[in-house]
C-alpha atoms as a PDB file:
ATOM      1  CA  MET A   1     145.524 143.590 183.404  1.00  0.00           C
ATOM      2  CA  GLU A   2     145.698 147.338 183.904  1.00  0.00           C
ATOM      3  CA  ARG A   3     142.127 147.782 182.628  1.00  0.00           C
ATOM      4  CA  TRP A   4     140.756 145.182 185.139  1.00  0.00           C
ATOM      5  CA  ARG A   5     142.044 147.484 188.112  1.00  0.00           C
ATOM      6  CA  TRP A   6     139.276 150.200 186.973  1.00  0.00           C
ATOM      7  CA  MET A   7     136.360 148.053 187.219  1.00  0.00           C
ATOM      8  CA  PRO A   8     134.497 147.209 190.611  1.00  0.00           C
ATOM      9  CA  GLU A   9     135.304 144.384 192.875  1.00  0.00           C
ATOM     10  CA  ASP A  10     131.853 143.183 192.602  1.00  0.00           C
ATOM     11  CA  LEU A  11     129.458 143.561 189.771  1.00  0.00           C
ATOM     12  CA  GLY A  12     126.166 142.183 191.495  1.00  0.00           C
ATOM     13  CA  PRO A  13     124.189 139.250 190.743  1.00  0.00           C
ATOM     14  CA  LEU A  14     123.323 140.423 187.431  1.00  0.00           C
ATOM     15  CA  TYR A  15     125.413 142.293 185.305  1.00  0.00           C
ATOM     16  CA  VAL A  16     126.403 143.140 181.494  1.00  0.00           C
ATOM     17  CA  TRP A  17     130.162 142.350 180.615  1.00  0.00           C
ATOM     18  CA  ASN A  18     130.736 144.012 176.925  1.00  0.00           C
ATOM     19  CA  ASN A  19     134.239 142.248 176.212  1.00  0.00           C
ATOM     20  CA  SER A  20     135.808 144.904 173.610  1.00  0.00           C
ATOM     21  CA  PRO A  21     138.886 142.679 172.723  1.00  0.00           C
ATOM     22  CA  GLU A  22     136.961 139.988 171.962  1.00  0.00           C
ATOM     23  CA  PHE A  23     134.159 141.471 170.583  1.00  0.00           C
ATOM     24  CA  MET A  24     131.614 139.818 172.686  1.00  0.00           C
ATOM     25  CA  LEU A  25     128.778 140.882 175.006  1.00  0.00           C
ATOM     26  CA  TYR A  26     127.841 138.536 178.126  1.00  0.00           C
ATOM     27  CA  VAL A  27     124.591 138.536 180.184  1.00  0.00           C
ATOM     28  CA  VAL A  28     126.021 136.956 184.170  1.00  0.00           C
ATOM     29  CA  LYS A  29     123.556 136.384 186.618  1.00  0.00           C
ATOM     30  CA  ASP A  30     124.845 134.642 189.697  1.00  0.00           C
ATOM     31  CA  GLY A  31     128.202 133.780 188.124  1.00  0.00           C
ATOM     32  CA  LYS A  32     126.969 132.006 185.199  1.00  0.00           C
ATOM     33  CA  THR A  33     126.809 133.324 181.878  1.00  0.00           C
ATOM     34  CA  ILE A  34     123.012 133.074 180.733  1.00  0.00           C
ATOM     35  CA  TYR A  35     123.241 135.217 177.432  1.00  0.00           C
ATOM     36  CA  ALA A  36     126.364 136.063 174.967  1.00  0.00           C
ATOM     37  CA  ASP A  37     126.253 137.757 171.501  1.00  0.00           C
ATOM     38  CA  LYS A  38     128.634 138.913 169.337  1.00  0.00           C
ATOM     39  CA  THR A  39     129.577 143.017 169.146  1.00  0.00           C
ATOM     40  CA  LEU A  40     131.286 145.635 166.805  1.00  0.00           C
ATOM     41  CA  VAL A  41     132.811 147.778 168.973  1.00  0.00           C
ATOM     42  CA  GLY A  42     134.674 151.077 168.103  1.00  0.00           C
ATOM     43  CA  THR A  43     137.884 151.480 165.808  1.00  0.00           C
ATOM     44  CA  LEU A  44     141.307 152.300 167.506  1.00  0.00           C
ATOM     45  CA  ASN A  45     140.579 156.213 166.681  1.00  0.00           C
ATOM     46  CA  TYR A  46     137.605 155.836 168.442  1.00  0.00           C
ATOM     47  CA  ALA A  47     137.841 153.033 170.957  1.00  0.00           C
ATOM     48  CA  THR A  48     135.010 151.717 172.904  1.00  0.00           C
ATOM     49  CA  PRO A  49     135.780 153.159 176.622  1.00  0.00           C
ATOM     50  CA  VAL A  50     136.518 151.019 179.444  1.00  0.00           C
ATOM     51  CA  PHE A  51     133.956 151.782 182.209  1.00  0.00           C
ATOM     52  CA  SER A  52     131.311 150.418 184.623  1.00  0.00           C
ATOM     53  CA  ALA A  53     127.517 151.892 184.984  1.00  0.00           C
ATOM     54  CA  ASP A  54     123.850 151.064 185.375  1.00  0.00           C
ATOM     55  CA  MET A  55     122.257 149.948 182.675  1.00  0.00           C
ATOM     56  CA  THR A  56     118.908 152.390 182.792  1.00  0.00           C
ATOM     57  CA  THR A  57     116.900 152.202 179.950  1.00  0.00           C
ATOM     58  CA  VAL A  58     115.451 150.651 176.936  1.00  0.00           C
ATOM     59  CA  VAL A  59     114.659 152.527 173.968  1.00  0.00           C
ATOM     60  CA  PHE A  60     112.812 150.534 171.102  1.00  0.00           C
ATOM     61  CA  ASN A  61     112.440 152.662 168.005  1.00  0.00           C
ATOM     62  CA  PRO A  62     114.978 155.480 169.237  1.00  0.00           C
ATOM     63  CA  ASP A  63     116.434 159.292 167.790  1.00  0.00           C
ATOM     64  CA  TRP A  64     120.047 159.172 167.016  1.00  0.00           C
ATOM     65  CA  VAL A  65     121.484 162.605 168.231  1.00  0.00           C
ATOM     66  CA  ALA A  66     125.080 163.102 166.223  1.00  0.00           C
ATOM     67  CA  PRO A  67     127.645 162.865 168.695  1.00  0.00           C
ATOM     68  CA  GLU A  68     130.553 165.341 169.290  1.00  0.00           C
ATOM     69  CA  THR A  69     133.091 163.575 166.797  1.00  0.00           C
ATOM     70  CA  VAL A  70     130.568 163.469 163.790  1.00  0.00           C
ATOM     71  CA  LEU A  71     129.966 167.309 164.027  1.00  0.00           C
ATOM     72  CA  THR A  72     132.882 168.195 163.939  1.00  0.00           C
ATOM     73  CA  GLU A  73     134.855 165.458 161.601  1.00  0.00           C
ATOM     74  CA  ASN A  74     131.814 164.410 159.084  1.00  0.00           C
ATOM     75  CA  LEU A  75     129.405 167.405 159.308  1.00  0.00           C
ATOM     76  CA  LEU A  76     131.160 170.377 159.474  1.00  0.00           C
ATOM     77  CA  PRO A  77     133.348 169.987 156.513  1.00  0.00           C
ATOM     78  CA  PRO A  78     130.476 169.903 154.277  1.00  0.00           C
ATOM     79  CA  LEU A  79     128.616 172.329 155.658  1.00  0.00           C
ATOM     80  CA  ARG A  80     131.327 174.734 155.860  1.00  0.00           C
ATOM     81  CA  ASP A  81     131.392 174.137 151.798  1.00  0.00           C
ATOM     82  CA  GLN A  82     127.721 174.809 151.973  1.00  0.00           C
ATOM     83  CA  ASN A  83     127.297 171.532 150.729  1.00  0.00           C
ATOM     84  CA  TYR A  84     124.033 170.375 152.691  1.00  0.00           C
ATOM     85  CA  SER A  85     123.419 167.018 151.177  1.00  0.00           C
ATOM     86  CA  ILE A  86     125.063 165.014 153.528  1.00  0.00           C
ATOM     87  CA  LEU A  87     122.058 166.057 155.907  1.00  0.00           C
ATOM     88  CA  LYS A  88     119.159 164.579 153.692  1.00  0.00           C
ATOM     89  CA  ILE A  89     120.993 161.809 152.798  1.00  0.00           C
ATOM     90  CA  HIS A  90     120.941 160.775 156.664  1.00  0.00           C
ATOM     91  CA  LYS A  91     118.256 162.246 157.271  1.00  0.00           C
ATOM     92  CA  LEU A  92     119.260 164.897 160.146  1.00  0.00           C
ATOM     93  CA  SER A  93     117.105 167.599 160.873  1.00  0.00           C
ATOM     94  CA  VAL A  94     119.212 170.388 162.689  1.00  0.00           C
ATOM     95  CA  SER A  95     118.147 172.920 165.638  1.00  0.00           C
ATOM     96  CA  TYR A  96     119.558 175.057 167.885  1.00  0.00           C
ATOM     97  CA  ASN A  97     117.906 175.832 171.633  1.00  0.00           C
ATOM     98  CA  GLY A  98     115.507 172.977 170.981  1.00  0.00           C
ATOM     99  CA  LYS A  99     113.940 174.772 167.980  1.00  0.00           C
ATOM    100  CA  PRO A 100     114.399 173.687 164.923  1.00  0.00           C
ATOM    101  CA  ILE A 101     116.317 175.989 162.317  1.00  0.00           C
ATOM    102  CA  ASP A 102     117.141 175.972 158.167  1.00  0.00           C
ATOM    103  CA  PRO A 103     120.861 174.979 158.332  1.00  0.00           C
ATOM    104  CA  ARG A 104     121.265 177.128 155.262  1.00  0.00           C
ATOM    105  CA  GLY A 105     120.623 180.383 157.208  1.00  0.00           C
ATOM    106  CA  VAL A 106     123.962 179.425 159.114  1.00  0.00           C
ATOM    107  CA  ASP A 107     127.502 180.386 158.479  1.00  0.00           C
ATOM    108  CA  TRP A 108     129.205 177.267 159.526  1.00  0.00           C
ATOM    109  CA  GLY A 109     132.264 178.709 159.193  1.00  0.00           C
ATOM    110  CA  ARG A 110     131.478 181.308 161.995  1.00  0.00           C
ATOM    111  CA  VAL A 111     129.428 179.126 164.567  1.00  0.00           C
ATOM    112  CA  ASP A 112     130.183 176.813 166.880  1.00  0.00           C
ATOM    113  CA  ILE A 113     128.700 173.457 165.356  1.00  0.00           C
ATOM    114  CA  LYS A 114     128.739 172.190 169.163  1.00  0.00           C
ATOM    115  CA  ALA A 115     125.930 174.672 169.877  1.00  0.00           C
ATOM    116  CA  PHE A 116     123.739 172.817 167.416  1.00  0.00           C
ATOM    117  CA  THR A 117     121.811 169.383 167.594  1.00  0.00           C
ATOM    118  CA  PHE A 118     121.662 167.008 164.927  1.00  0.00           C
ATOM    119  CA  THR A 119     118.741 164.333 164.969  1.00  0.00           C
ATOM    120  CA  GLN A 120     118.090 161.393 162.749  1.00  0.00           C
ATOM    121  CA  LYS A 121     114.623 160.287 163.768  1.00  0.00           C
ATOM    122  CA  GLY A 122     113.931 156.825 164.744  1.00  0.00           C
ATOM    123  CA  GLY A 123     112.781 154.133 161.584  1.00  0.00           C
ATOM    124  CA  PRO A 124     114.477 151.743 159.316  1.00  0.00           C
ATOM    125  CA  GLU A 125     117.214 153.619 158.276  1.00  0.00           C
ATOM    126  CA  ASN A 126     118.103 154.984 161.221  1.00  0.00           C
ATOM    127  CA  VAL A 127     122.212 154.164 162.559  1.00  0.00           C
ATOM    128  CA  LEU A 128     121.074 152.919 166.481  1.00  0.00           C
ATOM    129  CA  GLY A 129     118.491 150.306 164.446  1.00  0.00           C
ATOM    130  CA  LYS A 130     115.394 149.435 166.417  1.00  0.00           C
ATOM    131  CA  VAL A 131     116.658 149.421 169.911  1.00  0.00           C
ATOM    132  CA  LYS A 132     119.398 151.197 172.126  1.00  0.00           C
ATOM    133  CA  PHE A 133     120.493 150.146 175.641  1.00  0.00           C
ATOM    134  CA  VAL A 134     121.355 153.561 177.612  1.00  0.00           C
ATOM    135  CA  PHE A 135     123.811 153.595 180.827  1.00  0.00           C
ATOM    136  CA  PRO A 136     124.325 157.065 181.530  1.00  0.00           C
ATOM    137  CA  ASN A 137     127.912 157.701 181.507  1.00  0.00           C
ATOM    138  CA  ARG A 138     130.902 160.332 180.739  1.00  0.00           C
ATOM    139  CA  HIS A 139     131.870 158.767 177.346  1.00  0.00           C
ATOM    140  CA  THR A 140     128.107 159.000 175.746  1.00  0.00           C
ATOM    141  CA  VAL A 141     128.210 155.309 174.880  1.00  0.00           C
ATOM    142  CA  TYR A 142     125.392 152.867 174.466  1.00  0.00           C
ATOM    143  CA  MET A 143     124.840 149.495 173.229  1.00  0.00           C
ATOM    144  CA  HIS A 144     122.194 149.491 170.072  1.00  0.00           C
ATOM    145  CA  ASP A 145     120.918 147.465 167.233  1.00  0.00           C
ATOM    146  CA  THR A 146     122.652 147.103 163.986  1.00  0.00           C
ATOM    147  CA  LEU A 147     121.510 148.576 160.561  1.00  0.00           C
ATOM    148  CA  ALA A 148     121.558 145.809 157.813  1.00  0.00           C
ATOM    149  CA  TYR A 149     124.304 146.433 155.567  1.00  0.00           C
ATOM    150  CA  ARG A 150     126.922 146.034 158.554  1.00  0.00           C
ATOM    151  CA  LYS A 151     125.870 143.199 159.673  1.00  0.00           C
ATOM    152  CA  LYS A 152     127.961 141.278 157.682  1.00  0.00           C
ATOM    153  CA  TYR A 153     130.988 142.611 159.469  1.00  0.00           C
ATOM    154  CA  PHE A 154     129.568 139.857 162.305  1.00  0.00           C
ATOM    155  CA  GLN A 155     131.164 136.810 160.039  1.00  0.00           C
ATOM    156  CA  LYS A 156     134.736 138.661 160.506  1.00  0.00           C
ATOM    157  CA  PRO A 157     136.614 137.960 163.525  1.00  0.00           C
ATOM    158  CA  MET A 158     138.329 141.350 163.651  1.00  0.00           C
ATOM    159  CA  ARG A 159     135.422 144.026 164.433  1.00  0.00           C
ATOM    160  CA  ALA A 160     136.341 147.338 165.656  1.00  0.00           C
ATOM    161  CA  ILE A 161     134.247 149.541 162.852  1.00  0.00           C
ATOM    162  CA  GLY A 162     132.878 153.109 163.422  1.00  0.00           C
ATOM    163  CA  HIS A 163     132.693 155.194 166.731  1.00  0.00           C
ATOM    164  CA  ASP A 164     132.849 154.006 170.237  1.00  0.00           C
ATOM    165  CA  CYS A 165     129.458 152.696 171.137  1.00  0.00           C
ATOM    166  CA  VAL A 166     128.638 149.153 170.918  1.00  0.00           C
ATOM    167  CA  ARG A 167     126.539 147.246 168.186  1.00  0.00           C
ATOM    168  CA  MET A 168     124.828 143.537 168.703  1.00  0.00           C
ATOM    169  CA  GLU A 169     124.393 141.023 166.493  1.00  0.00           C
ATOM    170  CA  LYS A 170     121.228 139.721 168.018  1.00  0.00           C
ATOM    171  CA  PRO A 171     119.573 142.798 170.102  1.00  0.00           C
ATOM    172  CA  GLU A 172     116.005 141.650 170.093  1.00  0.00           C
ATOM    173  CA  GLN A 173     117.099 138.248 172.460  1.00  0.00           C
ATOM    174  CA  PHE A 174     119.450 141.077 174.571  1.00  0.00           C
ATOM    175  CA  ALA A 175     116.424 142.936 175.057  1.00  0.00           C
ATOM    176  CA  ASP A 176     114.357 139.538 175.731  1.00  0.00           C
ATOM    177  CA  VAL A 177     116.721 138.384 178.411  1.00  0.00           C
ATOM    178  CA  LEU A 178     117.281 142.017 180.037  1.00  0.00           C
ATOM    179  CA  LEU A 179     113.833 142.791 180.613  1.00  0.00           C
ATOM    180  CA  ALA A 180     112.611 139.074 181.262  1.00  0.00           C
ATOM    181  CA  GLU A 181     115.485 139.146 184.255  1.00  0.00           C
ATOM    182  CA  GLY A 182     114.960 142.811 184.962  1.00  0.00           C
ATOM    183  CA  LYS A 183     111.166 143.485 184.846  1.00  0.00           C
ATOM    184  CA  GLY A 184     109.806 139.915 184.375  1.00  0.00           C
ATOM    185  CA  TRP A 185     108.467 140.651 180.680  1.00  0.00           C
ATOM    186  CA  GLN A 186     107.369 138.189 178.420  1.00  0.00           C
ATOM    187  CA  ALA A 187     109.590 137.469 174.950  1.00  0.00           C
ATOM    188  CA  SER A 188     106.174 138.746 173.205  1.00  0.00           C
ATOM    189  CA  GLN A 189     106.176 141.802 174.981  1.00  0.00           C
ATOM    190  CA  VAL A 190     109.676 142.542 173.637  1.00  0.00           C
ATOM    191  CA  LYS A 191     108.284 141.111 169.982  1.00  0.00           C
ATOM    192  CA  GLU A 192     105.069 143.462 170.237  1.00  0.00           C
ATOM    193  CA  LEU A 193     107.960 146.544 170.806  1.00  0.00           C
ATOM    194  CA  TRP A 194     110.161 145.535 168.203  1.00  0.00           C
ATOM    195  CA  ASP A 195     107.826 144.571 165.665  1.00  0.00           C
ATOM    196  CA  LYS A 196     106.820 148.522 165.818  1.00  0.00           C
ATOM    197  CA  GLY A 197     110.376 149.690 165.037  1.00  0.00           C
END
């Protein structure tokens, strides 16, 4: 109930409701649910935050930029030990001030890793999958597709896994609904972009 007080009274005639404790999201139009999907949300240590924001963009075949927690907790320890295999395994490129750099030329024990950008190009192994849904917010949280090896978690009752973003079981259908309602798109237009990813 306390968290409910943080939400706006009027969410408008069309909105997306991510119910993290239920591991579900809903698209609501004029007070009626027109779409529902299972979700994976953040674990207790990386809980999906409670907030409201306007969804602005749907990105097909997105690049992924590693967030601060991934930089400091997952990438920095091996890089300090000059173990660069994590970058190769996850196909991460490194840049500084927008310019590509060779990570082997950096003393990771002396620099602030947050000054660097670690990017994974869009493609079949990208952690965001084929699509992400952007709603600018201070948490840098968004909704996105799920890699094939994580799809099994949608069959579990408890679906808190990973960091704070929201992964969807059926993002193509979600995109169909959003783009049909918001932009008047046909499902064939979404499928064309989906298939390119």
